[in-house]
Amino acid sequence: MTTFLSREVQAGLEAAQRASAKKKSRLRVHAGDDIYPILNFGQSTFSVDATDVPQLRGFVDIFDGGRHLYQALVITSRDEDGARVYEFKRNTIAATAPARDFYVDAEAPAALLPVH
């Protein structure tokens, strides 16, 4: 038994899979004021829908819901199966606190109570 799908049906199935992946993914790429869902995320690449997202280049921020994960420098790598794949030139974990430029003593108190 052979399975054959017409081009229209195959295109419809691929579009439905992309739409489903966009809804399921919590990962988003922020480029300036624009926000786009990430379809696939890997160690050195991520992909977005090629039809909805313009060419991204330069610094972007990657979020998981409301949590800032990475600040990245990206370039377009390739287009495949309706998705545009971007490579990281630099991918830095977003810091939640400013960098400390001084030594913190391990024996230092966590807080000081005022004297009344």
C-alpha atoms as a PDB file:
ATOM      1  CA  MET A   1       0.000   0.000   0.000  1.00  0.00           C
ATOM      2  CA  THR A   2       1.428   3.369  -0.965  1.00  0.00           C
ATOM      3  CA  THR A   3       0.633   6.692   0.634  1.00  0.00           C
ATOM      4  CA  PHE A   4       0.359   9.680  -1.658  1.00  0.00           C
ATOM      5  CA  LEU A   5      -0.739  13.145  -0.683  1.00  0.00           C
ATOM      6  CA  SER A   6      -1.346  15.881  -3.166  1.00  0.00           C
ATOM      7  CA  ARG A   7       0.792  19.025  -2.962  1.00  0.00           C
ATOM      8  CA  GLU A   8      -2.113  21.044  -1.591  1.00  0.00           C
ATOM      9  CA  VAL A   9      -2.787  18.561   1.198  1.00  0.00           C
ATOM     10  CA  GLN A  10       0.933  18.326   2.022  1.00  0.00           C
ATOM     11  CA  ALA A  11       1.216  22.135   2.145  1.00  0.00           C
ATOM     12  CA  GLY A  12      -1.848  22.298   4.400  1.00  0.00           C
ATOM     13  CA  LEU A  13      -0.376  19.732   6.778  1.00  0.00           C
ATOM     14  CA  GLU A  14       2.938  21.589   6.962  1.00  0.00           C
ATOM     15  CA  ALA A  15       1.148  24.882   7.634  1.00  0.00           C
ATOM     16  CA  ALA A  16      -0.876  23.257  10.408  1.00  0.00           C
ATOM     17  CA  GLN A  17       2.290  21.821  11.973  1.00  0.00           C
ATOM     18  CA  ARG A  18       3.986  25.246  11.914  1.00  0.00           C
ATOM     19  CA  ALA A  19       0.904  26.882  13.465  1.00  0.00           C
ATOM     20  CA  SER A  20       0.805  24.226  16.174  1.00  0.00           C
ATOM     21  CA  ALA A  21       4.513  24.672  16.929  1.00  0.00           C
ATOM     22  CA  LYS A  22       4.033  28.452  17.234  1.00  0.00           C
ATOM     23  CA  LYS A  23       1.205  27.991  19.737  1.00  0.00           C
ATOM     24  CA  LYS A  24       3.056  25.411  21.849  1.00  0.00           C
ATOM     25  CA  SER A  25       6.360  27.249  22.078  1.00  0.00           C
ATOM     26  CA  ARG A  26       6.882  29.628  24.982  1.00  0.00           C
ATOM     27  CA  LEU A  27      10.188  30.802  23.533  1.00  0.00           C
ATOM     28  CA  ARG A  28      10.117  34.177  21.805  1.00  0.00           C
ATOM     29  CA  VAL A  29      12.715  36.305  20.068  1.00  0.00           C
ATOM     30  CA  HIS A  30      12.524  40.054  20.662  1.00  0.00           C
ATOM     31  CA  ALA A  31      14.048  42.208  17.932  1.00  0.00           C
ATOM     32  CA  GLY A  32      13.567  45.819  18.926  1.00  0.00           C
ATOM     33  CA  ASP A  33       9.836  46.239  19.659  1.00  0.00           C
ATOM     34  CA  ASP A  34       8.834  43.198  17.585  1.00  0.00           C
ATOM     35  CA  ILE A  35       8.223  39.759  19.117  1.00  0.00           C
ATOM     36  CA  TYR A  36       8.269  36.482  17.163  1.00  0.00           C
ATOM     37  CA  PRO A  37       7.701  32.879  18.322  1.00  0.00           C
ATOM     38  CA  ILE A  38      10.607  30.442  18.082  1.00  0.00           C
ATOM     39  CA  LEU A  39       9.777  27.102  16.461  1.00  0.00           C
ATOM     40  CA  ASN A  40      12.980  25.208  17.331  1.00  0.00           C
ATOM     41  CA  PHE A  41      15.809  26.154  19.674  1.00  0.00           C
ATOM     42  CA  GLY A  42      19.202  24.464  19.771  1.00  0.00           C
ATOM     43  CA  GLN A  43      22.613  25.066  21.261  1.00  0.00           C
ATOM     44  CA  SER A  44      23.923  27.048  18.286  1.00  0.00           C
ATOM     45  CA  THR A  45      20.763  27.791  16.249  1.00  0.00           C
ATOM     46  CA  PHE A  46      17.093  28.660  16.460  1.00  0.00           C
ATOM     47  CA  SER A  47      14.374  28.795  13.827  1.00  0.00           C
ATOM     48  CA  VAL A  48      11.313  30.952  13.216  1.00  0.00           C
ATOM     49  CA  ASP A  49       8.545  30.913  10.628  1.00  0.00           C
ATOM     50  CA  ALA A  50      10.001  32.306   7.392  1.00  0.00           C
ATOM     51  CA  THR A  51       6.676  33.718   6.168  1.00  0.00           C
ATOM     52  CA  ASP A  52       5.905  35.831   9.267  1.00  0.00           C
ATOM     53  CA  VAL A  53       9.350  37.008  10.373  1.00  0.00           C
ATOM     54  CA  PRO A  54      11.510  39.465   8.413  1.00  0.00           C
ATOM     55  CA  GLN A  55      15.267  38.947   8.108  1.00  0.00           C
ATOM     56  CA  LEU A  56      16.797  39.393  11.554  1.00  0.00           C
ATOM     57  CA  ARG A  57      20.397  40.417  11.959  1.00  0.00           C
ATOM     58  CA  GLY A  58      22.267  41.760  14.913  1.00  0.00           C
ATOM     59  CA  PHE A  59      21.347  41.745  18.590  1.00  0.00           C
ATOM     60  CA  VAL A  60      18.160  40.031  19.740  1.00  0.00           C
ATOM     61  CA  ASP A  61      16.789  38.950  23.113  1.00  0.00           C
ATOM     62  CA  ILE A  62      15.354  35.495  23.741  1.00  0.00           C
ATOM     63  CA  PHE A  63      12.603  35.046  26.320  1.00  0.00           C
ATOM     64  CA  ASP A  64      10.810  32.071  27.823  1.00  0.00           C
ATOM     65  CA  GLY A  65       7.431  33.579  28.614  1.00  0.00           C
ATOM     66  CA  GLY A  66       8.369  36.606  30.714  1.00  0.00           C
ATOM     67  CA  ARG A  67      11.806  35.333  31.754  1.00  0.00           C
ATOM     68  CA  HIS A  68      14.776  36.811  29.885  1.00  0.00           C
ATOM     69  CA  LEU A  69      17.086  33.932  28.923  1.00  0.00           C
ATOM     70  CA  TYR A  70      19.688  35.168  26.439  1.00  0.00           C
ATOM     71  CA  GLN A  71      21.100  38.162  24.671  1.00  0.00           C
ATOM     72  CA  ALA A  72      22.356  37.005  21.298  1.00  0.00           C
ATOM     73  CA  LEU A  73      24.057  38.220  18.149  1.00  0.00           C
ATOM     74  CA  VAL A  74      22.524  36.351  15.197  1.00  0.00           C
ATOM     75  CA  ILE A  75      22.889  35.954  11.453  1.00  0.00           C
ATOM     76  CA  THR A  76      20.622  34.183   8.971  1.00  0.00           C
ATOM     77  CA  SER A  77      21.921  30.742   8.215  1.00  0.00           C
ATOM     78  CA  ARG A  78      19.445  29.084   5.858  1.00  0.00           C
ATOM     79  CA  ASP A  79      15.792  28.551   4.955  1.00  0.00           C
ATOM     80  CA  GLU A  80      14.397  25.045   5.198  1.00  0.00           C
ATOM     81  CA  ASP A  81      10.832  23.731   5.079  1.00  0.00           C
ATOM     82  CA  GLY A  82       9.213  27.125   5.611  1.00  0.00           C
ATOM     83  CA  ALA A  83      11.422  27.957   8.587  1.00  0.00           C
ATOM     84  CA  ARG A  84      14.300  30.425   8.703  1.00  0.00           C
ATOM     85  CA  VAL A  85      17.244  29.159  10.749  1.00  0.00           C
ATOM     86  CA  TYR A  86      19.514  31.620  12.551  1.00  0.00           C
ATOM     87  CA  GLU A  87      22.980  30.915  13.918  1.00  0.00           C
ATOM     88  CA  PHE A  88      24.372  32.467  17.063  1.00  0.00           C
ATOM     89  CA  LYS A  89      27.581  34.417  16.622  1.00  0.00           C
ATOM     90  CA  ARG A  90      27.361  35.159  20.327  1.00  0.00           C
ATOM     91  CA  ASN A  91      24.869  33.851  22.865  1.00  0.00           C
ATOM     92  CA  THR A  92      25.137  35.228  26.397  1.00  0.00           C
ATOM     93  CA  ILE A  93      23.002  34.234  29.356  1.00  0.00           C
ATOM     94  CA  ALA A  94      21.052  37.270  30.537  1.00  0.00           C
ATOM     95  CA  ALA A  95      22.113  38.407  33.984  1.00  0.00           C
ATOM     96  CA  THR A  96      19.437  39.080  36.577  1.00  0.00           C
ATOM     97  CA  ALA A  97      21.690  41.236  38.738  1.00  0.00           C
ATOM     98  CA  PRO A  98      24.445  43.704  37.924  1.00  0.00           C
ATOM     99  CA  ALA A  99      27.990  42.381  37.818  1.00  0.00           C
ATOM    100  CA  ARG A 100      29.857  42.720  41.075  1.00  0.00           C
ATOM    101  CA  ASP A 101      33.155  44.453  40.762  1.00  0.00           C
ATOM    102  CA  PHE A 102      34.119  43.971  44.392  1.00  0.00           C
ATOM    103  CA  TYR A 103      34.800  41.088  46.772  1.00  0.00           C
ATOM    104  CA  VAL A 104      31.897  39.828  48.899  1.00  0.00           C
ATOM    105  CA  ASP A 105      32.950  38.316  52.197  1.00  0.00           C
ATOM    106  CA  ALA A 106      31.341  34.927  52.877  1.00  0.00           C
ATOM    107  CA  GLU A 107      30.942  35.903  56.559  1.00  0.00           C
ATOM    108  CA  ALA A 108      29.197  39.199  55.781  1.00  0.00           C
ATOM    109  CA  PRO A 109      25.665  39.575  57.196  1.00  0.00           C
ATOM    110  CA  ALA A 110      22.769  39.273  54.736  1.00  0.00           C
ATOM    111  CA  ALA A 111      21.107  42.383  56.188  1.00  0.00           C
ATOM    112  CA  LEU A 112      21.566  44.876  59.007  1.00  0.00           C
ATOM    113  CA  LEU A 113      18.885  45.621  61.588  1.00  0.00           C
ATOM    114  CA  PRO A 114      18.448  49.238  62.636  1.00  0.00           C
ATOM    115  CA  VAL A 115      19.118  50.247  66.258  1.00  0.00           C
ATOM    116  CA  HIS A 116      16.102  51.641  68.111  1.00  0.00           C
END
